[in-house]
Amino acid sequence: MTELARDGDGDLQRLLSDLFVPTYLLYFFLDVLGICKIFFCPYAVSNKGKRIMVRLALLSVSNKTGLIDLALSLVEEFGFDLISSGGTAQTLKDNGLPVTKVSDYTGSPEILGGRVKTLHPRIHGGILARRDVPQDVTDLTNNHIRPIDLVVVNLYPFEETIADEDVTLSEAIEQIDIGGPTLLRGAAKNFAHLTVLCDPAQYEEYLQQLRTYNDASLEFRQRCALKGFLHTSSYDQAIASYLIQQSASESSLPQQYILSGIQLQSLRYGENPHQSAAWYQSATPTGWTAATKLQGKELSYNNLVDLEAARRLIAEFSEPVAAILKHTNPCGVALGNSLKEAYEKAFNADPVSAFGGIVALNRRIDPATATELTKTFLECVVAPGCETEAQKILAAKSKVRVLILPDLSSGQQETVKAIAGGFLVQAADNMVADTSQWQIVSDRQPSDLELEELLFAWKVCKHVKSNAIVVSGDRTTLGVGAGQMNRIGSVKIALEQAGEKAKGSFLASDGFFPFDDSVKTAAEKGITALVQPGGSLRDGDSIKAANELGLVMVFTNVRHFLH
């Protein structure tokens, strides 16, 4: 469209013609005088003499990605007028784009250090007006308000601000956006009459809508409105969660728990092929969303569940450790003087189950360890780093997913499980084992080396599904009994897996022994020391059996059920 003139009340064009005043001269003088022509020209007159409504766009963004390209297209291709505030207006102006500041458009200056800019009837009237309701149209006319056709808004970077551990409460509060969410909610509510964009990824599709249809379709506008509401919902949730953390005690949970996330990617399927699944993240990438994938296929739902279980387990240890998991349960865990030694010990603990497993390492992958990793089929490997030469070696197994997660110890503060009609929330089981708080209940006292071995077995047992039993020796798992319906069943499985290696080894149980049968079964296979929470009404029977059989028995007075 070639614009020859614009007029605001339908009669300005005729008046200019009668006065023989060239339109371009009038607007030149208006601009010189600083009178914003945006008030007076809601119509464009094409080179065919047709009056066309000039569309109005409000742009106010924190994330300025794609802003200039969008604004250029709006102005040059489609003849939009632009209004904007603060830094967005300055950015547009610096790039030579015609823009009217919100304060000039409303006639009200920005106040309170910029806290109040867009909260004005001239703005929100233009957004909320229903074009098919006569009274709304009359109200716009009587109040000299132009309808706004496009609202482009994204919000202050609150989550990025609070990601800084040193941020103060007052600094965080200043990053709570007020005008932005109000604009988004108003525009999203009125999607029948205008479009709202809150993500730079939407810009090109919107422009294609204009190029194809000269307007955005109702279906597109409704999708954008939904995204706008999701954006404000996630933003409010982040603020509420932060303030809860600032005020709540460590032992309490909030009266209202809000769970939200942004879809990072759609997964091929869930636990089984007939189950749909997706991966969601918070606005600020942390944890697995901040991991780097060096190679391999796309991560699956089951991969991610197993990786998280592996991460939680190795976060227990500061020494070089390797953990191999299948279906969230460890099948081999070991400490070593080097990463290679730890991995070899963990693999040899149960090489059959290790096939197709998930491997977690708490040291940078070196070439020697990488070579060992390529000797069997693995689904995933995660470590805090990987040496260049090691990466070249791992490339020989190109389908193996290799992830780098520098902070393997940073995890959840709460765990959430869905149930019919709601969900359950609990504080994460982040308790650190402290042997100084343990109670030695047997006559025989453990040596320092025996306590170290019991501590290793106890840490691993914490991450095995209940009823959980771990048999260990030389700080390596020898047998694991997981998820059985009774504890003696788990004991038998773990001891059977350990075989002859059970002689002189150690046993950990995540829950107390309700009877002395587990103690006697362990002793028959050669176990020399046991660690368990204690707390059964029949603890005396288990202690008596341990003393009669010459075993060490330690109570932690803490249990670690994992369901």
Protein backbone atom coordinates (compact mmCIF):
# COMPACT_ATOMS: atom_id res chain seq x y z
CA MET A 1 0.00 0.00 0.00
CA THR A 2 1.33 3.46 -0.92
CA GLU A 3 0.13 5.95 1.69
CA LEU A 4 -0.78 9.38 0.35
CA ALA A 5 -2.51 10.73 3.45
CA ARG A 6 -3.89 9.86 6.90
CA ASP A 7 -6.88 11.42 8.63
CA GLY A 8 -8.36 10.93 12.04
CA ASP A 9 -11.97 12.05 11.92
CA GLY A 10 -12.91 11.21 8.34
CA ASP A 11 -12.97 14.88 7.30
CA LEU A 12 -9.30 15.85 7.58
CA GLN A 13 -8.48 14.61 4.08
CA ARG A 14 -11.28 16.69 2.56
CA LEU A 15 -10.21 19.76 4.57
CA LEU A 16 -6.62 19.45 3.38
CA SER A 17 -7.77 19.18 -0.22
CA ASP A 18 -9.92 22.31 0.13
CA LEU A 19 -6.98 24.23 1.60
CA PHE A 20 -4.60 22.96 -1.09
CA VAL A 21 -2.13 21.95 1.64
CA PRO A 22 0.11 19.03 0.59
CA THR A 23 -0.32 16.26 3.14
CA TYR A 24 3.36 15.52 3.45
CA LEU A 25 4.03 19.16 4.38
CA LEU A 26 1.41 19.09 7.12
CA TYR A 27 2.97 16.05 8.73
CA PHE A 28 6.43 17.47 8.34
CA PHE A 29 5.41 20.53 10.35
CA LEU A 30 3.53 18.40 12.88
CA ASP A 31 6.64 16.34 13.45
CA VAL A 32 8.79 19.45 13.78
CA LEU A 33 6.36 20.81 16.33
CA GLY A 34 6.55 17.50 18.22
CA ILE A 35 2.82 16.90 17.97
CA CYS A 36 2.32 13.18 17.80
CA LYS A 37 0.32 12.48 14.65
CA ILE A 38 -0.68 9.14 16.09
CA PHE A 39 -3.69 10.86 17.73
CA PHE A 40 -5.02 12.25 14.47
CA CYS A 41 -4.54 9.60 11.81
CA PRO A 42 -6.19 6.23 12.32
CA TYR A 43 -6.83 6.00 8.56
CA ALA A 44 -4.55 5.69 5.58
CA VAL A 45 -5.62 6.75 2.13
CA SER A 46 -4.21 4.49 -0.56
CA ASN A 47 -3.06 5.61 -4.01
CA LYS A 48 -6.49 4.47 -5.21
CA GLY A 49 -8.22 6.84 -2.81
CA LYS A 50 -9.48 4.08 -0.51
CA ARG A 51 -9.59 4.78 3.20
CA ILE A 52 -7.87 2.02 5.17
CA MET A 53 -7.67 1.84 8.96
CA VAL A 54 -4.08 2.23 10.14
CA ARG A 55 -3.33 -0.51 12.61
CA LEU A 56 -1.71 0.24 15.94
CA ALA A 57 0.85 -1.97 17.70
CA LEU A 58 2.09 -1.70 21.27
CA LEU A 59 5.61 -3.06 21.77
CA SER A 60 7.11 -3.38 25.25
CA VAL A 61 9.62 -6.19 25.68
CA SER A 62 12.39 -7.19 28.03
CA ASN A 63 13.74 -9.80 25.60
CA LYS A 64 14.48 -7.80 22.45
CA THR A 65 15.35 -10.78 20.27
CA GLY A 66 13.77 -10.26 16.83
CA LEU A 67 12.23 -6.94 17.85
CA ILE A 68 13.73 -4.77 15.11
CA ASP A 69 12.91 -7.20 12.29
CA LEU A 70 9.32 -7.45 13.53
CA ALA A 71 8.93 -3.69 13.85
CA LEU A 72 10.42 -3.06 10.41
CA SER A 73 7.94 -5.45 8.81
CA LEU A 74 5.01 -3.97 10.74
CA VAL A 75 5.87 -0.46 9.57
CA GLU A 76 7.19 -1.01 6.05
CA GLU A 77 5.00 -3.92 4.89
CA PHE A 78 1.77 -3.25 6.71
CA GLY A 79 1.80 0.42 7.67
CA PHE A 80 1.40 -0.05 11.42
CA ASP A 81 1.82 2.83 13.84
CA LEU A 82 4.00 1.91 16.81
CA ILE A 83 3.74 2.94 20.43
CA SER A 84 6.26 1.78 22.98
CA SER A 85 7.72 2.46 26.40
CA GLY A 86 11.06 2.71 28.15
CA GLY A 87 13.99 0.82 26.71
CA THR A 88 11.92 -0.70 23.91
CA ALA A 89 11.01 2.73 22.57
CA GLN A 90 14.65 3.80 22.72
CA THR A 91 15.78 0.68 20.87
CA LEU A 92 13.25 1.28 18.11
CA LYS A 93 14.23 4.92 17.84
CA ASP A 94 17.96 4.06 17.74
CA ASN A 95 17.23 1.82 14.78
CA GLY A 96 15.46 4.57 12.86
CA LEU A 97 11.93 3.31 13.37
CA PRO A 98 9.03 5.75 13.83
CA VAL A 99 7.70 5.21 17.33
CA THR A 100 5.58 7.17 19.77
CA LYS A 101 6.38 6.83 23.45
CA VAL A 102 3.52 5.61 25.59
CA SER A 103 3.83 8.69 27.78
CA ASP A 104 3.31 10.93 24.72
CA TYR A 105 0.39 8.84 23.54
CA THR A 106 -1.38 8.83 26.92
CA GLY A 107 -0.38 12.36 27.90
CA SER A 108 0.78 10.95 31.24
CA PRO A 109 4.49 10.82 32.08
CA GLU A 110 6.19 7.70 33.39
CA ILE A 111 6.25 7.96 37.18
CA LEU A 112 7.75 6.19 40.19
CA GLY A 113 11.00 5.49 38.43
CA GLY A 114 9.23 3.71 35.58
CA ARG A 115 6.98 1.57 37.77
CA VAL A 116 3.94 3.15 36.11
CA LYS A 117 4.07 3.48 32.33
CA THR A 118 1.35 1.55 30.54
CA LEU A 119 -1.32 1.50 33.27
CA HIS A 120 -3.63 4.01 31.57
CA PRO A 121 -7.19 3.97 30.11
CA ARG A 122 -5.91 5.08 26.70
CA ILE A 123 -3.81 1.91 26.60
CA HIS A 124 -6.13 -0.61 28.20
CA GLY A 125 -9.22 0.84 26.59
CA GLY A 126 -7.60 0.29 23.19
CA ILE A 127 -6.75 -3.29 24.18
CA LEU A 128 -9.99 -4.36 25.83
CA ALA A 129 -12.50 -2.68 23.50
CA ARG A 130 -14.80 -5.11 21.68
CA ARG A 131 -15.08 -3.87 18.11
CA ASP A 132 -18.52 -5.51 17.67
CA VAL A 133 -20.08 -3.87 20.74
CA PRO A 134 -21.47 -0.41 19.82
CA GLN A 135 -21.06 1.00 23.32
CA ASP A 136 -17.35 0.01 23.36
CA VAL A 137 -16.83 1.73 20.02
CA THR A 138 -18.66 4.82 21.28
CA ASP A 139 -16.50 4.87 24.40
CA LEU A 140 -13.36 4.76 22.28
CA THR A 141 -14.61 7.64 20.14
CA ASN A 142 -15.71 9.78 23.08
CA ASN A 143 -12.39 9.27 24.84
CA HIS A 144 -10.21 9.68 21.75
CA ILE A 145 -8.80 6.17 22.08
CA ARG A 146 -7.50 4.18 19.14
CA PRO A 147 -8.06 0.42 19.16
CA ILE A 148 -4.82 -1.52 19.50
CA ASP A 149 -4.43 -4.39 17.04
CA LEU A 150 -1.22 -5.98 18.26
CA VAL A 151 0.36 -6.26 21.71
CA VAL A 152 3.95 -7.54 21.86
CA VAL A 153 5.06 -7.99 25.46
CA ASN A 154 7.40 -10.19 27.46
CA LEU A 155 8.24 -9.78 31.09
CA TYR A 156 11.05 -8.65 33.35
CA PRO A 157 13.61 -11.46 33.86
CA PHE A 158 12.50 -12.44 37.36
CA GLU A 159 13.68 -16.04 37.26
CA GLU A 160 17.04 -15.05 35.81
CA THR A 161 17.40 -12.55 38.66
CA ILE A 162 16.68 -15.00 41.46
CA ALA A 163 18.99 -17.60 39.89
CA ASP A 164 21.81 -15.47 41.29
CA GLU A 165 22.46 -16.81 44.79
CA ASP A 166 23.60 -13.37 45.96
CA VAL A 167 20.46 -11.51 44.88
CA THR A 168 18.73 -9.62 47.68
CA LEU A 169 15.01 -9.67 48.35
CA SER A 170 14.67 -6.00 47.34
CA GLU A 171 16.51 -6.65 44.06
CA ALA A 172 14.22 -9.55 43.30
CA ILE A 173 11.11 -7.50 44.10
CA GLU A 174 12.14 -4.83 41.59
CA GLN A 175 12.07 -7.48 38.86
CA ILE A 176 8.39 -8.24 39.46
CA ASP A 177 6.63 -6.94 36.37
CA ILE A 178 3.24 -5.30 36.88
CA GLY A 179 2.36 -3.55 33.63
CA GLY A 180 3.54 -6.42 31.43
CA PRO A 181 1.28 -9.12 32.89
CA THR A 182 -1.63 -6.67 32.84
CA LEU A 183 -1.07 -5.99 29.14
CA LEU A 184 -0.74 -9.70 28.39
CA ARG A 185 -3.86 -10.67 30.30
CA GLY A 186 -5.94 -7.89 28.78
CA ALA A 187 -4.84 -8.65 25.24
CA ALA A 188 -5.23 -12.40 25.72
CA LYS A 189 -8.73 -11.90 27.10
CA ASN A 190 -9.71 -9.91 24.01
CA PHE A 191 -8.10 -12.26 21.46
CA ALA A 192 -11.32 -12.09 19.40
CA HIS A 193 -10.26 -8.60 18.33
CA LEU A 194 -6.47 -8.39 18.53
CA THR A 195 -3.28 -10.46 18.71
CA VAL A 196 -0.90 -10.84 21.63
CA LEU A 197 2.68 -12.08 21.21
CA CYS A 198 4.88 -12.92 24.19
CA ASP A 199 7.61 -15.03 22.56
CA PRO A 200 9.99 -14.00 19.74
CA ALA A 201 9.37 -17.44 18.22
CA GLN A 202 5.84 -16.23 17.37
CA TYR A 203 6.90 -13.19 15.37
CA GLU A 204 7.50 -14.80 11.99
CA GLU A 205 4.28 -16.81 12.06
CA TYR A 206 2.33 -13.64 12.83
CA LEU A 207 3.93 -11.83 9.88
CA GLN A 208 3.11 -14.78 7.63
CA GLN A 209 -0.50 -14.54 8.79
CA LEU A 210 -0.56 -10.90 7.73
CA ARG A 211 1.07 -11.67 4.39
CA THR A 212 -1.41 -14.44 3.68
CA TYR A 213 -4.66 -13.10 5.12
CA ASN A 214 -3.85 -9.41 5.85
CA ASP A 215 -4.78 -10.23 9.45
CA ALA A 216 -4.17 -12.95 12.01
CA SER A 217 -6.72 -15.74 11.97
CA LEU A 218 -8.95 -16.30 14.98
CA GLU A 219 -7.37 -19.71 15.53
CA PHE A 220 -3.88 -18.16 15.62
CA ARG A 221 -5.00 -15.37 17.95
CA GLN A 222 -6.55 -17.91 20.34
CA ARG A 223 -3.32 -19.96 20.39
CA CYS A 224 -1.37 -16.80 21.14
CA ALA A 225 -3.80 -15.89 23.93
CA LEU A 226 -3.30 -19.28 25.54
CA LYS A 227 0.46 -18.84 25.38
CA GLY A 228 0.06 -15.41 26.98
CA PHE A 229 -1.93 -16.80 29.90
CA LEU A 230 0.56 -19.64 30.34
CA HIS A 231 3.37 -17.08 30.36
CA THR A 232 1.78 -14.98 33.10
CA SER A 233 0.80 -18.08 35.08
CA SER A 234 4.38 -19.37 35.03
CA TYR A 235 5.67 -15.92 35.96
CA ASP A 236 3.34 -15.61 38.95
CA GLN A 237 4.25 -19.13 40.05
CA ALA A 238 7.95 -18.26 40.02
CA ILE A 239 7.32 -15.18 42.16
CA ALA A 240 5.12 -17.07 44.62
CA SER A 241 7.63 -19.91 44.92
CA TYR A 242 10.46 -17.47 45.58
CA LEU A 243 8.55 -15.60 48.26
CA ILE A 244 7.54 -18.89 49.88
CA GLN A 245 11.21 -19.85 50.06
CA GLN A 246 12.01 -16.52 51.67
CA SER A 247 9.40 -16.84 54.38
CA ALA A 248 8.70 -20.52 55.02
CA SER A 249 10.64 -22.69 57.42
CA GLU A 250 12.55 -25.66 56.06
CA SER A 251 10.10 -28.11 57.63
CA SER A 252 6.91 -26.57 56.23
CA LEU A 253 5.21 -26.78 52.86
CA PRO A 254 3.00 -24.00 51.44
CA GLN A 255 -0.77 -24.05 51.73
CA GLN A 256 -0.95 -23.66 47.96
CA TYR A 257 1.51 -25.46 45.69
CA ILE A 258 1.67 -24.40 42.05
CA LEU A 259 3.41 -26.56 39.47
CA SER A 260 4.17 -25.13 36.04
CA GLY A 261 6.73 -25.46 33.29
CA ILE A 262 7.51 -24.71 29.68
CA GLN A 263 7.63 -27.64 27.29
CA LEU A 264 11.25 -28.17 26.33
CA GLN A 265 10.53 -30.96 23.90
CA SER A 266 8.00 -33.61 23.02
CA LEU A 267 9.27 -37.12 23.78
CA ARG A 268 8.67 -40.09 21.50
CA TYR A 269 6.60 -41.76 24.22
CA GLY A 270 6.47 -42.30 27.96
CA GLU A 271 7.23 -45.46 29.89
CA ASN A 272 5.57 -47.43 27.06
CA PRO A 273 4.92 -46.66 23.37
CA HIS A 274 1.19 -46.11 23.89
CA GLN A 275 1.82 -43.31 26.43
CA SER A 276 2.42 -39.75 25.21
CA ALA A 277 5.06 -37.72 27.07
CA ALA A 278 6.84 -34.36 27.07
CA TRP A 279 9.74 -32.77 28.92
CA TYR A 280 9.05 -29.50 30.76
CA GLN A 281 11.44 -27.02 32.30
CA SER A 282 11.33 -23.88 34.39
CA ALA A 283 12.01 -20.60 32.60
CA THR A 284 15.65 -20.61 33.74
CA PRO A 285 17.49 -23.73 32.54
CA THR A 286 18.79 -25.70 35.51
CA GLY A 287 19.50 -29.35 36.21
CA TRP A 288 19.05 -31.59 33.19
CA THR A 289 17.82 -28.73 31.01
CA ALA A 290 21.25 -27.13 31.51
CA ALA A 291 23.12 -30.33 30.57
CA THR A 292 25.10 -30.56 27.33
CA LYS A 293 24.58 -33.63 25.16
CA LEU A 294 27.84 -34.45 23.43
CA GLN A 295 26.46 -37.27 21.30
CA GLY A 296 23.79 -39.90 20.94
CA LYS A 297 20.12 -40.30 20.21
CA GLU A 298 17.37 -38.13 21.66
CA LEU A 299 16.72 -38.70 25.35
CA SER A 300 13.62 -40.71 26.17
CA TYR A 301 11.25 -40.47 29.11
CA ASN A 302 12.80 -43.55 30.73
CA ASN A 303 16.32 -42.22 30.11
CA LEU A 304 15.55 -39.03 31.99
CA VAL A 305 13.92 -40.85 34.90
CA ASP A 306 16.95 -43.16 35.20
CA LEU A 307 19.43 -40.31 34.81
CA GLU A 308 17.83 -38.41 37.66
CA ALA A 309 17.97 -41.48 39.90
CA ALA A 310 21.65 -41.91 38.99
CA ARG A 311 22.40 -38.25 39.69
CA ARG A 312 20.82 -38.42 43.12
CA LEU A 313 22.84 -41.51 44.00
CA ILE A 314 26.31 -40.29 43.05
CA ALA A 315 25.62 -36.93 44.71
CA GLU A 316 26.07 -38.86 47.97
CA PHE A 317 29.81 -39.33 47.38
CA SER A 318 32.87 -37.07 47.18
CA GLU A 319 35.32 -39.86 46.29
CA PRO A 320 35.62 -41.10 42.68
CA VAL A 321 32.43 -43.12 42.16
CA ALA A 322 30.65 -44.91 39.35
CA ALA A 323 27.03 -45.99 39.42
CA ILE A 324 25.22 -48.16 36.89
CA LEU A 325 21.42 -48.18 37.06
CA LYS A 326 18.60 -50.10 35.42
CA HIS A 327 14.98 -49.02 35.89
CA THR A 328 16.05 -46.50 38.59
CA ASN A 329 17.69 -49.18 40.74
CA PRO A 330 21.48 -49.46 41.06
CA CYS A 331 22.90 -52.72 39.75
CA GLY A 332 26.51 -51.73 40.36
CA VAL A 333 28.02 -48.94 42.46
CA ALA A 334 31.66 -48.63 43.50
CA LEU A 335 34.26 -46.24 44.83
CA GLY A 336 37.79 -46.33 43.49
CA ASN A 337 41.15 -44.61 43.63
CA SER A 338 40.52 -43.54 40.04
CA LEU A 339 37.42 -43.16 37.88
CA LYS A 340 38.45 -46.11 35.72
CA GLU A 341 38.83 -48.34 38.78
CA ALA A 342 35.46 -47.24 40.15
CA TYR A 343 33.72 -47.99 36.84
CA GLU A 344 35.38 -51.39 36.43
CA LYS A 345 34.36 -52.39 39.96
CA ALA A 346 30.78 -51.17 39.41
CA PHE A 347 30.50 -53.00 36.08
CA ASN A 348 31.90 -56.27 37.44
CA ALA A 349 29.45 -56.14 40.36
CA ASP A 350 26.66 -57.18 37.95
CA PRO A 351 27.82 -57.24 34.30
CA VAL A 352 24.61 -58.90 33.12
CA SER A 353 22.38 -56.10 34.45
CA ALA A 354 24.87 -53.44 33.36
CA PHE A 355 24.09 -54.21 29.70
CA GLY A 356 21.92 -51.34 28.43
CA GLY A 357 22.34 -49.45 31.68
CA ILE A 358 22.68 -45.82 32.71
CA VAL A 359 26.15 -44.82 33.93
CA ALA A 360 26.80 -41.86 36.23
CA LEU A 361 30.33 -40.70 37.05
CA ASN A 362 31.37 -37.89 39.39
CA ARG A 363 34.67 -37.06 37.69
CA ARG A 364 35.62 -35.86 34.21
CA ILE A 365 35.70 -38.77 31.79
CA ASP A 366 39.33 -39.55 30.96
CA PRO A 367 40.53 -41.67 27.99
CA ALA A 368 41.08 -44.78 30.13
CA THR A 369 37.52 -44.68 31.48
CA ALA A 370 36.12 -43.86 28.05
CA THR A 371 37.78 -46.97 26.63
CA GLU A 372 36.09 -49.13 29.28
CA LEU A 373 32.73 -47.50 28.61
CA THR A 374 32.86 -48.51 24.94
CA LYS A 375 33.26 -52.22 25.76
CA THR A 376 29.55 -52.81 26.39
CA PHE A 377 26.19 -51.46 25.25
CA LEU A 378 25.04 -48.52 27.37
CA GLU A 379 22.04 -46.23 27.05
CA CYS A 380 23.46 -43.10 28.68
CA VAL A 381 26.58 -41.79 30.36
CA VAL A 382 26.59 -38.63 32.48
CA ALA A 383 29.59 -36.92 34.06
CA PRO A 384 30.60 -33.39 35.10
CA GLY A 385 33.06 -33.17 32.17
CA CYS A 386 34.79 -35.07 29.40
CA GLU A 387 38.34 -34.75 28.13
CA THR A 388 38.77 -34.14 24.40
CA GLU A 389 40.55 -37.44 23.77
CA ALA A 390 37.92 -39.29 25.78
CA GLN A 391 35.21 -37.72 23.65
CA LYS A 392 36.89 -39.02 20.51
CA ILE A 393 36.97 -42.52 21.98
CA LEU A 394 33.29 -42.40 22.97
CA ALA A 395 32.38 -41.28 19.44
CA ALA A 396 32.98 -44.86 18.33
CA LYS A 397 29.67 -45.63 20.10
CA SER A 398 27.76 -42.83 18.41
CA LYS A 399 24.31 -43.92 19.61
CA VAL A 400 25.27 -43.77 23.29
CA ARG A 401 23.91 -40.61 24.86
CA VAL A 402 26.77 -38.78 26.57
CA LEU A 403 25.74 -35.86 28.75
CA ILE A 404 27.79 -33.29 30.62
CA LEU A 405 26.20 -31.92 33.78
CA PRO A 406 28.78 -29.86 35.71
CA ASP A 407 26.74 -29.65 38.91
CA LEU A 408 25.62 -33.19 39.64
CA SER A 409 24.76 -32.36 43.25
CA SER A 410 22.16 -29.67 42.53
CA GLY A 411 18.76 -31.30 42.78
CA GLN A 412 15.17 -31.00 43.90
CA GLN A 413 13.98 -29.51 47.16
CA GLU A 414 10.63 -31.27 46.88
CA THR A 415 9.29 -34.35 45.14
CA VAL A 416 5.85 -34.43 43.56
CA LYS A 417 3.68 -37.43 42.70
CA ALA A 418 0.34 -37.27 40.94
CA ILE A 419 -2.67 -39.09 42.36
CA ALA A 420 -6.30 -39.09 41.25
CA GLY A 421 -7.73 -35.67 41.95
CA GLY A 422 -4.46 -33.99 42.92
CA PHE A 423 -0.86 -34.64 43.82
CA LEU A 424 1.42 -35.24 46.79
CA VAL A 425 4.39 -33.06 47.73
CA GLN A 426 7.17 -33.90 50.15
CA ALA A 427 10.54 -32.47 51.02
CA ALA A 428 13.26 -34.30 49.11
CA ASP A 429 15.24 -36.92 51.03
CA ASN A 430 18.44 -34.88 51.13
CA MET A 431 19.55 -35.94 54.61
CA VAL A 432 23.31 -36.50 54.75
CA ALA A 433 24.41 -39.62 56.63
CA ASP A 434 26.43 -38.91 59.78
CA THR A 435 28.05 -41.91 61.45
CA SER A 436 28.63 -39.90 64.64
CA GLN A 437 24.87 -40.04 65.16
CA TRP A 438 24.65 -43.78 64.66
CA GLN A 439 23.94 -46.12 67.57
CA ILE A 440 26.01 -49.29 67.93
CA VAL A 441 23.58 -51.74 69.52
CA SER A 442 25.62 -54.96 69.30
CA ASP A 443 28.22 -56.19 71.74
CA ARG A 444 30.84 -56.29 69.02
CA GLN A 445 32.09 -52.81 68.11
CA PRO A 446 32.88 -51.95 64.47
CA SER A 447 36.34 -50.81 63.39
CA ASP A 448 36.76 -47.54 61.48
CA LEU A 449 37.08 -49.51 58.22
CA GLU A 450 33.90 -51.44 58.98
CA LEU A 451 32.05 -48.18 59.66
CA GLU A 452 33.25 -46.82 56.30
CA GLU A 453 31.93 -49.92 54.54
CA LEU A 454 28.60 -49.74 56.36
CA LEU A 455 28.34 -46.08 55.41
CA PHE A 456 28.93 -46.91 51.74
CA ALA A 457 26.25 -49.63 51.80
CA TRP A 458 23.84 -47.31 53.64
CA LYS A 459 24.27 -44.50 51.09
CA VAL A 460 23.55 -46.85 48.19
CA CYS A 461 20.63 -48.51 49.97
CA LYS A 462 18.95 -45.11 50.27
CA HIS A 463 18.54 -45.10 46.47
CA VAL A 464 17.16 -48.63 46.07
CA LYS A 465 13.40 -49.18 45.87
CA SER A 466 11.89 -50.44 49.14
CA ASN A 467 12.09 -53.01 50.57
CA ALA A 468 15.81 -52.38 49.94
CA ILE A 469 18.80 -54.50 50.85
CA VAL A 470 22.40 -53.85 49.74
CA VAL A 471 25.32 -56.21 50.29
CA SER A 472 28.76 -54.65 49.83
CA GLY A 473 32.47 -55.29 50.19
CA ASP A 474 35.53 -53.23 49.32
CA ARG A 475 33.13 -50.30 48.84
CA THR A 476 31.46 -52.08 45.95
CA THR A 477 27.93 -53.43 45.70
CA LEU A 478 27.90 -57.22 45.66
CA GLY A 479 24.16 -57.80 45.75
CA VAL A 480 21.04 -55.66 45.59
CA GLY A 481 17.53 -56.70 46.60
CA ALA A 482 14.93 -54.15 45.51
CA GLY A 483 11.20 -53.61 45.71
CA GLN A 484 10.15 -56.92 47.21
CA MET A 485 6.90 -57.30 49.10
CA ASN A 486 8.71 -58.46 52.23
CA ARG A 487 12.17 -57.71 53.58
CA ILE A 488 13.36 -61.27 53.89
CA GLY A 489 12.69 -61.65 50.16
CA SER A 490 15.01 -58.73 49.38
CA VAL A 491 17.64 -60.16 51.75
CA LYS A 492 17.62 -63.50 49.96
CA ILE A 493 17.88 -61.89 46.51
CA ALA A 494 20.81 -59.68 47.54
CA LEU A 495 22.66 -62.57 49.21
CA GLU A 496 22.03 -64.90 46.29
CA GLN A 497 23.45 -62.31 43.90
CA ALA A 498 26.51 -61.80 46.12
CA GLY A 499 27.12 -65.56 46.26
CA GLU A 500 30.46 -66.54 47.76
CA LYS A 501 31.47 -62.88 47.95
CA ALA A 502 28.95 -62.45 50.78
CA LYS A 503 31.43 -64.04 53.19
CA GLY A 504 32.95 -61.27 55.27
CA SER A 505 30.77 -58.61 53.61
CA PHE A 506 28.32 -56.00 54.93
CA LEU A 507 24.56 -55.53 54.67
CA ALA A 508 22.38 -52.42 54.76
CA SER A 509 18.59 -52.29 55.04
CA ASP A 510 16.51 -49.18 54.32
CA GLY A 511 13.95 -50.16 56.97
CA PHE A 512 14.05 -52.00 60.28
CA PHE A 513 13.97 -55.79 60.60
CA PRO A 514 10.55 -56.76 62.00
CA PHE A 515 11.89 -60.20 62.94
CA ASP A 516 15.28 -61.77 63.53
CA ASP A 517 14.98 -64.02 60.44
CA SER A 518 16.85 -61.56 58.18
CA VAL A 519 19.72 -61.35 60.66
CA LYS A 520 20.04 -65.13 60.86
CA THR A 521 19.83 -65.53 57.05
CA ALA A 522 22.56 -62.91 56.60
CA ALA A 523 24.83 -64.61 59.13
CA GLU A 524 24.39 -67.98 57.42
CA LYS A 525 25.81 -66.47 54.20
CA GLY A 526 28.78 -64.91 55.98
CA ILE A 527 27.68 -61.30 56.58
CA THR A 528 29.73 -59.76 59.42
CA ALA A 529 28.04 -56.39 60.00
CA LEU A 530 24.61 -54.87 59.43
CA VAL A 531 23.25 -51.33 59.38
CA GLN A 532 19.54 -50.60 59.68
CA PRO A 533 17.28 -47.81 61.01
CA GLY A 534 15.99 -49.67 64.05
CA GLY A 535 12.63 -48.81 65.54
CA SER A 536 10.83 -52.16 65.42
CA LEU A 537 8.89 -53.43 68.44
CA ARG A 538 11.05 -56.54 68.07
CA ASP A 539 14.42 -54.79 67.81
CA GLY A 540 15.48 -56.77 70.86
CA ASP A 541 15.14 -60.05 68.93
CA SER A 542 17.39 -58.78 66.12
CA ILE A 543 20.00 -57.43 68.55
CA LYS A 544 20.00 -60.71 70.48
CA ALA A 545 20.51 -62.68 67.25
CA ALA A 546 23.38 -60.39 66.21
CA ASN A 547 25.11 -60.86 69.55
CA GLU A 548 24.65 -64.63 69.51
CA LEU A 549 26.09 -64.79 65.97
CA GLY A 550 28.95 -62.36 66.65
CA LEU A 551 27.75 -59.68 64.22
CA VAL A 552 28.08 -55.91 64.32
CA MET A 553 24.70 -54.18 64.28
CA VAL A 554 24.30 -50.43 63.92
CA PHE A 555 21.10 -48.38 64.12
CA THR A 556 20.96 -45.13 62.13
CA ASN A 557 17.61 -44.05 63.64
CA VAL A 558 16.77 -42.76 60.15
CA ARG A 559 14.97 -44.73 57.45
CA HIS A 560 15.07 -44.19 53.68
CA PHE A 561 11.98 -45.73 52.10
CA LEU A 562 11.85 -45.10 48.35
CA HIS A 563 8.58 -45.95 46.62
